[in-house]
Amino acid sequence: MWCAVALIGALIGAPATRAELPKKLLDGLASSSAKVRIVAVSNVARSKDPQARTLIEPLLADEDPAVRAAAIEGLGRVADPAALAALKRVAADQDETVQAVLKRVVPALEALVIAIYVGEAKDLSGGAFPGLADKLRKDIKSALVAKLGPGFVLIDDPTKKSYGATPINIRSITRSKDGRTSFLEVKCELTLVEMPGNMLRAALSSSAAVGVEGEISKRLEPELANDAVTACAPEVASDFVAYVKEHSRR
């Protein structure tokens, strides 16, 4: 018991700086004393360490309901919406205190999730290659998911208050040739909208090429167009991510 009290005193008496986390707080999180684990969770939550969420989440499965409740409180203090997945996995916890804390913390974290509407894509180039607009939209959504992380959610309902991209256009497709190399350049245009109305337009282009001549070059054009869209989408998504993160002040 003395060791537990001594460790609690050490945890309370020292600020939880990043350099001290490995020794004092990690030991506290793994302590055999529930009281020490609770204090350690509180200190980790207040530390602003980027690993705080992942350090606290395992204690959601602690055998002591007071520790589980403290872990939920700690995740609420960390204020990282990525914790929602772990919290939803313990939604059926039978302890009344745990349930009371969950009912308070989960809605608060859900309110921090930033919604993004990915608007409809249009091909304004004349539709020479069917399906390019849908492919561009799909590729941009995939790139956004990879770049934004769990603090953001993509939605398909533009009526909700959200950041939006409306529209995503394929502006033009240009053919050119340099010797044996045939080029296809796809120009994309994205309108970024921060509700209720601040707008920023971004125009990007990407080229795909194949070094063949004659009819085979013509037959390969649909593949080149798809390659160009695939290359263009991550760049469009990068501009979108930078804009949203700047304006959401995350």
C-alpha atoms as a PDB file:
ATOM      1  CA  MET A   1       0.000   0.000   0.000  1.00  0.00           C
ATOM      2  CA  TRP A   2       2.854   2.390   0.798  1.00  0.00           C
ATOM      3  CA  CYS A   3       4.245   1.965  -2.720  1.00  0.00           C
ATOM      4  CA  ALA A   4       0.898   2.847  -4.248  1.00  0.00           C
ATOM      5  CA  VAL A   5       0.568   5.993  -2.117  1.00  0.00           C
ATOM      6  CA  ALA A   6       4.138   7.027  -2.889  1.00  0.00           C
ATOM      7  CA  LEU A   7       3.572   6.632  -6.620  1.00  0.00           C
ATOM      8  CA  ILE A   8       0.324   8.626  -6.447  1.00  0.00           C
ATOM      9  CA  GLY A   9       2.236  11.407  -4.716  1.00  0.00           C
ATOM     10  CA  ALA A  10       4.894  11.378  -7.407  1.00  0.00           C
ATOM     11  CA  LEU A  11       2.302  11.511 -10.169  1.00  0.00           C
ATOM     12  CA  ILE A  12       0.373  14.372  -8.582  1.00  0.00           C
ATOM     13  CA  GLY A  13       3.437  16.342  -7.605  1.00  0.00           C
ATOM     14  CA  ALA A  14       5.071  16.484 -11.036  1.00  0.00           C
ATOM     15  CA  PRO A  15       3.712  18.018 -14.232  1.00  0.00           C
ATOM     16  CA  ALA A  16       3.227  15.461 -16.978  1.00  0.00           C
ATOM     17  CA  THR A  17       5.714  16.614 -19.565  1.00  0.00           C
ATOM     18  CA  ARG A  18       6.472  14.560 -22.657  1.00  0.00           C
ATOM     19  CA  ALA A  19       9.913  13.546 -21.386  1.00  0.00           C
ATOM     20  CA  GLU A  20       8.477  12.193 -18.119  1.00  0.00           C
ATOM     21  CA  LEU A  21       5.696  10.119 -19.646  1.00  0.00           C
ATOM     22  CA  PRO A  22       7.614   6.879 -20.198  1.00  0.00           C
ATOM     23  CA  LYS A  23       8.813   6.520 -16.582  1.00  0.00           C
ATOM     24  CA  LYS A  24       6.133   7.955 -14.313  1.00  0.00           C
ATOM     25  CA  LEU A  25       2.905   7.725 -16.219  1.00  0.00           C
ATOM     26  CA  LEU A  26       3.395   4.473 -18.071  1.00  0.00           C
ATOM     27  CA  ASP A  27       4.296   2.792 -14.788  1.00  0.00           C
ATOM     28  CA  GLY A  28       1.176   4.288 -13.231  1.00  0.00           C
ATOM     29  CA  LEU A  29      -1.080   3.056 -16.011  1.00  0.00           C
ATOM     30  CA  ALA A  30       0.165  -0.486 -15.421  1.00  0.00           C
ATOM     31  CA  SER A  31       0.070  -0.309 -11.603  1.00  0.00           C
ATOM     32  CA  SER A  32      -1.639  -3.036  -9.580  1.00  0.00           C
ATOM     33  CA  SER A  33      -3.425  -0.262  -7.651  1.00  0.00           C
ATOM     34  CA  ALA A  34      -6.678   1.043  -9.156  1.00  0.00           C
ATOM     35  CA  LYS A  35      -6.117   4.409  -7.443  1.00  0.00           C
ATOM     36  CA  VAL A  36      -2.720   4.777  -9.087  1.00  0.00           C
ATOM     37  CA  ARG A  37      -4.151   3.860 -12.484  1.00  0.00           C
ATOM     38  CA  ILE A  38      -6.867   6.497 -12.088  1.00  0.00           C
ATOM     39  CA  VAL A  39      -4.352   9.215 -11.217  1.00  0.00           C
ATOM     40  CA  ALA A  40      -2.101   8.135 -14.085  1.00  0.00           C
ATOM     41  CA  VAL A  41      -4.994   8.320 -16.548  1.00  0.00           C
ATOM     42  CA  SER A  42      -5.801  11.840 -15.381  1.00  0.00           C
ATOM     43  CA  ASN A  43      -2.187  12.956 -15.802  1.00  0.00           C
ATOM     44  CA  VAL A  44      -1.839  11.396 -19.238  1.00  0.00           C
ATOM     45  CA  ALA A  45      -5.067  13.092 -20.323  1.00  0.00           C
ATOM     46  CA  ARG A  46      -3.729  16.471 -19.181  1.00  0.00           C
ATOM     47  CA  SER A  47      -0.278  15.943 -20.693  1.00  0.00           C
ATOM     48  CA  LYS A  48      -1.223  16.913 -24.268  1.00  0.00           C
ATOM     49  CA  ASP A  49       1.070  14.128 -25.416  1.00  0.00           C
ATOM     50  CA  PRO A  50       0.162  13.027 -28.964  1.00  0.00           C
ATOM     51  CA  GLN A  51       0.016   9.414 -27.763  1.00  0.00           C
ATOM     52  CA  ALA A  52      -2.380  10.168 -24.886  1.00  0.00           C
ATOM     53  CA  ARG A  53      -5.416   8.611 -26.548  1.00  0.00           C
ATOM     54  CA  THR A  54      -3.686   5.347 -27.396  1.00  0.00           C
ATOM     55  CA  LEU A  55      -2.192   5.161 -23.895  1.00  0.00           C
ATOM     56  CA  ILE A  56      -5.583   5.571 -22.214  1.00  0.00           C
ATOM     57  CA  GLU A  57      -7.787   3.424 -24.464  1.00  0.00           C
ATOM     58  CA  PRO A  58      -6.580   0.030 -23.103  1.00  0.00           C
ATOM     59  CA  LEU A  59      -7.906   1.005 -19.663  1.00  0.00           C
ATOM     60  CA  LEU A  60     -11.443   1.003 -21.045  1.00  0.00           C
ATOM     61  CA  ALA A  61     -11.213  -2.751 -20.440  1.00  0.00           C
ATOM     62  CA  ASP A  62      -9.883  -2.404 -16.876  1.00  0.00           C
ATOM     63  CA  GLU A  63     -11.376  -4.783 -14.302  1.00  0.00           C
ATOM     64  CA  ASP A  64     -12.209  -1.848 -12.007  1.00  0.00           C
ATOM     65  CA  PRO A  65     -15.248   0.224 -13.119  1.00  0.00           C
ATOM     66  CA  ALA A  66     -13.798   3.343 -11.487  1.00  0.00           C
ATOM     67  CA  VAL A  67     -10.731   3.035 -13.711  1.00  0.00           C
ATOM     68  CA  ARG A  68     -12.915   2.496 -16.775  1.00  0.00           C
ATOM     69  CA  ALA A  69     -14.899   5.608 -15.916  1.00  0.00           C
ATOM     70  CA  ALA A  70     -11.664   7.560 -15.414  1.00  0.00           C
ATOM     71  CA  ALA A  71     -10.415   6.355 -18.799  1.00  0.00           C
ATOM     72  CA  ILE A  72     -13.587   7.634 -20.465  1.00  0.00           C
ATOM     73  CA  GLU A  73     -13.218  10.967 -18.658  1.00  0.00           C
ATOM     74  CA  GLY A  74      -9.596  11.091 -19.776  1.00  0.00           C
ATOM     75  CA  LEU A  75     -10.497  10.486 -23.406  1.00  0.00           C
ATOM     76  CA  GLY A  76     -13.028  13.273 -23.134  1.00  0.00           C
ATOM     77  CA  ARG A  77     -10.302  15.602 -21.872  1.00  0.00           C
ATOM     78  CA  VAL A  78      -7.933  14.553 -24.672  1.00  0.00           C
ATOM     79  CA  ALA A  79     -10.736  15.580 -27.073  1.00  0.00           C
ATOM     80  CA  ASP A  80      -9.647  13.365 -29.951  1.00  0.00           C
ATOM     81  CA  PRO A  81     -12.650  12.125 -31.975  1.00  0.00           C
ATOM     82  CA  ALA A  82     -10.593   9.075 -32.936  1.00  0.00           C
ATOM     83  CA  ALA A  83     -11.485   7.705 -29.477  1.00  0.00           C
ATOM     84  CA  LEU A  84     -15.121   7.293 -30.536  1.00  0.00           C
ATOM     85  CA  ALA A  85     -14.478   3.880 -32.074  1.00  0.00           C
ATOM     86  CA  ALA A  86     -13.066   2.521 -28.799  1.00  0.00           C
ATOM     87  CA  LEU A  87     -15.826   4.133 -26.732  1.00  0.00           C
ATOM     88  CA  LYS A  88     -18.531   2.606 -28.895  1.00  0.00           C
ATOM     89  CA  ARG A  89     -17.026  -0.829 -28.292  1.00  0.00           C
ATOM     90  CA  VAL A  90     -17.661  -0.433 -24.549  1.00  0.00           C
ATOM     91  CA  ALA A  91     -21.143   1.060 -24.929  1.00  0.00           C
ATOM     92  CA  ALA A  92     -22.699  -2.029 -23.322  1.00  0.00           C
ATOM     93  CA  ASP A  93     -20.718  -1.686 -20.066  1.00  0.00           C
ATOM     94  CA  GLN A  94     -23.109  -2.563 -17.221  1.00  0.00           C
ATOM     95  CA  ASP A  95     -21.665  -0.217 -14.602  1.00  0.00           C
ATOM     96  CA  GLU A  96     -23.929   2.773 -13.874  1.00  0.00           C
ATOM     97  CA  THR A  97     -21.076   5.224 -13.350  1.00  0.00           C
ATOM     98  CA  VAL A  98     -19.419   4.150 -16.584  1.00  0.00           C
ATOM     99  CA  GLN A  99     -22.708   4.599 -18.430  1.00  0.00           C
ATOM    100  CA  ALA A 100     -23.208   8.066 -16.957  1.00  0.00           C
ATOM    101  CA  VAL A 101     -19.750   9.177 -18.088  1.00  0.00           C
ATOM    102  CA  LEU A 102     -20.239   7.647 -21.538  1.00  0.00           C
ATOM    103  CA  LYS A 103     -23.488   9.573 -22.017  1.00  0.00           C
ATOM    104  CA  ARG A 104     -21.631  12.810 -21.347  1.00  0.00           C
ATOM    105  CA  VAL A 105     -18.338  12.182 -23.153  1.00  0.00           C
ATOM    106  CA  VAL A 106     -19.498  10.496 -26.376  1.00  0.00           C
ATOM    107  CA  PRO A 107     -21.769  13.355 -27.552  1.00  0.00           C
ATOM    108  CA  ALA A 108     -19.026  15.874 -26.736  1.00  0.00           C
ATOM    109  CA  LEU A 109     -16.536  13.982 -28.914  1.00  0.00           C
ATOM    110  CA  GLU A 110     -19.089  13.505 -31.685  1.00  0.00           C
ATOM    111  CA  ALA A 111     -19.520  17.277 -31.777  1.00  0.00           C
ATOM    112  CA  LEU A 112     -15.807  17.600 -32.607  1.00  0.00           C
ATOM    113  CA  VAL A 113     -16.074  15.494 -35.750  1.00  0.00           C
ATOM    114  CA  ILE A 114     -15.914  17.709 -38.832  1.00  0.00           C
ATOM    115  CA  ALA A 115     -18.233  16.717 -41.661  1.00  0.00           C
ATOM    116  CA  ILE A 116     -17.117  17.028 -45.260  1.00  0.00           C
ATOM    117  CA  TYR A 117     -19.413  16.817 -48.252  1.00  0.00           C
ATOM    118  CA  VAL A 118     -17.787  15.587 -51.432  1.00  0.00           C
ATOM    119  CA  GLY A 119     -19.909  17.069 -54.189  1.00  0.00           C
ATOM    120  CA  GLU A 120     -20.980  15.583 -57.469  1.00  0.00           C
ATOM    121  CA  ALA A 121     -18.380  15.286 -60.210  1.00  0.00           C
ATOM    122  CA  LYS A 122     -19.012  16.521 -63.740  1.00  0.00           C
ATOM    123  CA  ASP A 123     -17.166  15.943 -66.988  1.00  0.00           C
ATOM    124  CA  LEU A 124     -17.167  19.224 -68.909  1.00  0.00           C
ATOM    125  CA  SER A 125     -14.718  17.960 -71.522  1.00  0.00           C
ATOM    126  CA  GLY A 126     -17.347  16.519 -73.843  1.00  0.00           C
ATOM    127  CA  GLY A 127     -17.564  13.054 -72.338  1.00  0.00           C
ATOM    128  CA  ALA A 128     -15.080  11.406 -74.695  1.00  0.00           C
ATOM    129  CA  PHE A 129     -14.197   8.880 -71.982  1.00  0.00           C
ATOM    130  CA  PRO A 130     -17.309   7.730 -70.067  1.00  0.00           C
ATOM    131  CA  GLY A 131     -17.041   7.263 -66.314  1.00  0.00           C
ATOM    132  CA  LEU A 132     -14.115   9.626 -65.715  1.00  0.00           C
ATOM    133  CA  ALA A 133     -16.097  11.997 -63.490  1.00  0.00           C
ATOM    134  CA  ASP A 134     -17.300   9.180 -61.236  1.00  0.00           C
ATOM    135  CA  LYS A 135     -13.769   7.815 -61.042  1.00  0.00           C
ATOM    136  CA  LEU A 136     -12.406  11.240 -60.077  1.00  0.00           C
ATOM    137  CA  ARG A 137     -14.969  11.574 -57.284  1.00  0.00           C
ATOM    138  CA  LYS A 138     -14.279   8.063 -55.979  1.00  0.00           C
ATOM    139  CA  ASP A 139     -10.513   8.585 -56.039  1.00  0.00           C
ATOM    140  CA  ILE A 140     -10.794  11.954 -54.281  1.00  0.00           C
ATOM    141  CA  LYS A 141     -12.944  10.432 -51.528  1.00  0.00           C
ATOM    142  CA  SER A 142     -10.407   7.639 -51.013  1.00  0.00           C
ATOM    143  CA  ALA A 143      -7.559  10.154 -50.850  1.00  0.00           C
ATOM    144  CA  LEU A 144      -9.465  12.333 -48.367  1.00  0.00           C
ATOM    145  CA  VAL A 145     -10.117   9.390 -46.051  1.00  0.00           C
ATOM    146  CA  ALA A 146      -6.406   8.551 -46.088  1.00  0.00           C
ATOM    147  CA  LYS A 147      -5.255  12.134 -45.518  1.00  0.00           C
ATOM    148  CA  LEU A 148      -7.809  13.468 -43.031  1.00  0.00           C
ATOM    149  CA  GLY A 149      -7.913  10.687 -40.461  1.00  0.00           C
ATOM    150  CA  PRO A 150     -10.669   9.816 -37.966  1.00  0.00           C
ATOM    151  CA  GLY A 151     -11.447  13.368 -36.811  1.00  0.00           C
ATOM    152  CA  PHE A 152     -13.349  13.949 -40.031  1.00  0.00           C
ATOM    153  CA  VAL A 153     -16.264  12.176 -41.658  1.00  0.00           C
ATOM    154  CA  LEU A 154     -17.283  12.159 -45.316  1.00  0.00           C
ATOM    155  CA  ILE A 155     -20.974  12.510 -46.046  1.00  0.00           C
ATOM    156  CA  ASP A 156     -23.079  12.521 -49.194  1.00  0.00           C
ATOM    157  CA  ASP A 157     -25.790  14.842 -47.911  1.00  0.00           C
ATOM    158  CA  PRO A 158     -25.034  18.470 -48.903  1.00  0.00           C
ATOM    159  CA  THR A 159     -27.883  19.783 -46.731  1.00  0.00           C
ATOM    160  CA  LYS A 160     -25.853  19.203 -43.563  1.00  0.00           C
ATOM    161  CA  LYS A 161     -23.562  21.900 -42.209  1.00  0.00           C
ATOM    162  CA  SER A 162     -20.189  20.844 -43.522  1.00  0.00           C
ATOM    163  CA  TYR A 163     -17.184  21.632 -45.607  1.00  0.00           C
ATOM    164  CA  GLY A 164     -17.951  20.791 -49.192  1.00  0.00           C
ATOM    165  CA  ALA A 165     -16.521  20.310 -52.626  1.00  0.00           C
ATOM    166  CA  THR A 166     -19.063  21.397 -55.230  1.00  0.00           C
ATOM    167  CA  PRO A 167     -18.491  20.733 -57.973  1.00  0.00           C
ATOM    168  CA  ILE A 168     -15.543  18.551 -58.896  1.00  0.00           C
ATOM    169  CA  ASN A 169     -15.079  19.093 -62.614  1.00  0.00           C
ATOM    170  CA  ILE A 170     -13.038  17.549 -65.348  1.00  0.00           C
ATOM    171  CA  ARG A 171     -12.535  20.817 -67.170  1.00  0.00           C
ATOM    172  CA  SER A 172     -10.777  19.616 -70.311  1.00  0.00           C
ATOM    173  CA  ILE A 173      -8.885  16.747 -71.903  1.00  0.00           C
ATOM    174  CA  THR A 174      -6.100  17.609 -74.336  1.00  0.00           C
ATOM    175  CA  ARG A 175      -4.324  15.259 -76.725  1.00  0.00           C
ATOM    176  CA  SER A 176      -0.779  15.886 -77.922  1.00  0.00           C
ATOM    177  CA  LYS A 177       2.122  13.964 -79.412  1.00  0.00           C
ATOM    178  CA  ASP A 178       5.898  14.188 -79.269  1.00  0.00           C
ATOM    179  CA  GLY A 179       7.522  11.695 -81.592  1.00  0.00           C
ATOM    180  CA  ARG A 180       6.546   8.207 -80.467  1.00  0.00           C
ATOM    181  CA  THR A 181       5.008   9.468 -77.227  1.00  0.00           C
ATOM    182  CA  SER A 182       1.287  10.268 -77.070  1.00  0.00           C
ATOM    183  CA  PHE A 183       0.085  12.484 -74.212  1.00  0.00           C
ATOM    184  CA  LEU A 184      -3.328  12.946 -72.682  1.00  0.00           C
ATOM    185  CA  GLU A 185      -3.689  15.843 -70.229  1.00  0.00           C
ATOM    186  CA  VAL A 186      -6.694  15.967 -67.915  1.00  0.00           C
ATOM    187  CA  LYS A 187      -7.454  19.271 -66.202  1.00  0.00           C
ATOM    188  CA  CYS A 188      -9.495  19.077 -62.999  1.00  0.00           C
ATOM    189  CA  GLU A 189     -11.202  21.876 -61.108  1.00  0.00           C
ATOM    190  CA  LEU A 190     -12.384  21.785 -57.512  1.00  0.00           C
ATOM    191  CA  THR A 191     -14.506  24.362 -55.717  1.00  0.00           C
ATOM    192  CA  LEU A 192     -13.975  24.296 -51.964  1.00  0.00           C
ATOM    193  CA  VAL A 193     -16.866  25.582 -49.899  1.00  0.00           C
ATOM    194  CA  GLU A 194     -16.774  26.354 -46.196  1.00  0.00           C
ATOM    195  CA  MET A 195     -20.352  26.654 -45.046  1.00  0.00           C
ATOM    196  CA  PRO A 196     -22.103  29.027 -45.126  1.00  0.00           C
ATOM    197  CA  GLY A 197     -20.285  30.476 -48.113  1.00  0.00           C
ATOM    198  CA  ASN A 198     -16.537  31.151 -48.149  1.00  0.00           C
ATOM    199  CA  MET A 199     -15.180  29.706 -51.367  1.00  0.00           C
ATOM    200  CA  LEU A 200     -11.811  28.790 -52.828  1.00  0.00           C
ATOM    201  CA  ARG A 201     -11.232  27.365 -56.288  1.00  0.00           C
ATOM    202  CA  ALA A 202      -8.372  25.070 -57.162  1.00  0.00           C
ATOM    203  CA  ALA A 203      -7.459  23.972 -60.683  1.00  0.00           C
ATOM    204  CA  LEU A 204      -5.035  21.134 -61.275  1.00  0.00           C
ATOM    205  CA  SER A 205      -3.952  19.060 -64.213  1.00  0.00           C
ATOM    206  CA  SER A 206      -2.258  15.742 -64.726  1.00  0.00           C
ATOM    207  CA  SER A 207      -0.801  14.093 -67.812  1.00  0.00           C
ATOM    208  CA  ALA A 208      -0.490  10.461 -68.779  1.00  0.00           C
ATOM    209  CA  ALA A 209       1.611   9.269 -71.697  1.00  0.00           C
ATOM    210  CA  VAL A 210       2.376   6.159 -73.708  1.00  0.00           C
ATOM    211  CA  GLY A 211       5.253   5.741 -76.146  1.00  0.00           C
ATOM    212  CA  VAL A 212       3.504   4.062 -79.073  1.00  0.00           C
ATOM    213  CA  GLU A 213       2.316   5.144 -82.514  1.00  0.00           C
ATOM    214  CA  GLY A 214      -0.701   4.539 -84.689  1.00  0.00           C
ATOM    215  CA  GLU A 215      -4.008   2.895 -83.853  1.00  0.00           C
ATOM    216  CA  ILE A 216      -2.775   1.275 -80.642  1.00  0.00           C
ATOM    217  CA  SER A 217      -2.188   4.744 -79.201  1.00  0.00           C
ATOM    218  CA  LYS A 218      -5.834   5.615 -79.896  1.00  0.00           C
ATOM    219  CA  ARG A 219      -7.053   2.418 -78.245  1.00  0.00           C
ATOM    220  CA  LEU A 220      -5.001   3.167 -75.145  1.00  0.00           C
ATOM    221  CA  GLU A 221      -6.484   6.638 -74.657  1.00  0.00           C
ATOM    222  CA  PRO A 222      -9.211   5.516 -72.184  1.00  0.00           C
ATOM    223  CA  GLU A 223      -6.521   3.941 -70.002  1.00  0.00           C
ATOM    224  CA  LEU A 224      -4.404   7.080 -70.229  1.00  0.00           C
ATOM    225  CA  ALA A 225      -7.392   9.203 -69.192  1.00  0.00           C
ATOM    226  CA  ASN A 226      -7.974   6.958 -66.174  1.00  0.00           C
ATOM    227  CA  ASP A 227      -4.287   7.138 -65.266  1.00  0.00           C
ATOM    228  CA  ALA A 228      -4.375  10.936 -65.440  1.00  0.00           C
ATOM    229  CA  VAL A 229      -7.434  11.114 -63.177  1.00  0.00           C
ATOM    230  CA  THR A 230      -5.806   8.704 -60.717  1.00  0.00           C
ATOM    231  CA  ALA A 231      -2.761  10.986 -60.563  1.00  0.00           C
ATOM    232  CA  CYS A 232      -4.852  14.150 -60.298  1.00  0.00           C
ATOM    233  CA  ALA A 233      -7.112  13.041 -57.433  1.00  0.00           C
ATOM    234  CA  PRO A 234      -4.517  13.019 -54.599  1.00  0.00           C
ATOM    235  CA  GLU A 235      -3.392  16.531 -55.538  1.00  0.00           C
ATOM    236  CA  VAL A 236      -6.965  17.800 -55.466  1.00  0.00           C
ATOM    237  CA  ALA A 237      -7.465  16.063 -52.116  1.00  0.00           C
ATOM    238  CA  SER A 238      -4.269  17.622 -50.719  1.00  0.00           C
ATOM    239  CA  ASP A 239      -5.522  21.128 -51.480  1.00  0.00           C
ATOM    240  CA  PHE A 240      -8.870  20.240 -49.951  1.00  0.00           C
ATOM    241  CA  VAL A 241      -7.254  18.864 -46.777  1.00  0.00           C
ATOM    242  CA  ALA A 242      -4.999  21.897 -46.329  1.00  0.00           C
ATOM    243  CA  TYR A 243      -7.945  24.252 -46.717  1.00  0.00           C
ATOM    244  CA  VAL A 244     -10.241  22.367 -44.352  1.00  0.00           C
ATOM    245  CA  LYS A 245      -7.599  21.907 -41.647  1.00  0.00           C
ATOM    246  CA  GLU A 246      -6.640  25.573 -41.769  1.00  0.00           C
ATOM    247  CA  HIS A 247     -10.211  26.800 -41.496  1.00  0.00           C
ATOM    248  CA  SER A 248     -11.346  24.259 -38.921  1.00  0.00           C
ATOM    249  CA  ARG A 249      -8.423  25.299 -36.652  1.00  0.00           C
ATOM    250  CA  ARG A 250      -7.812  21.747 -35.530  1.00  0.00           C
END
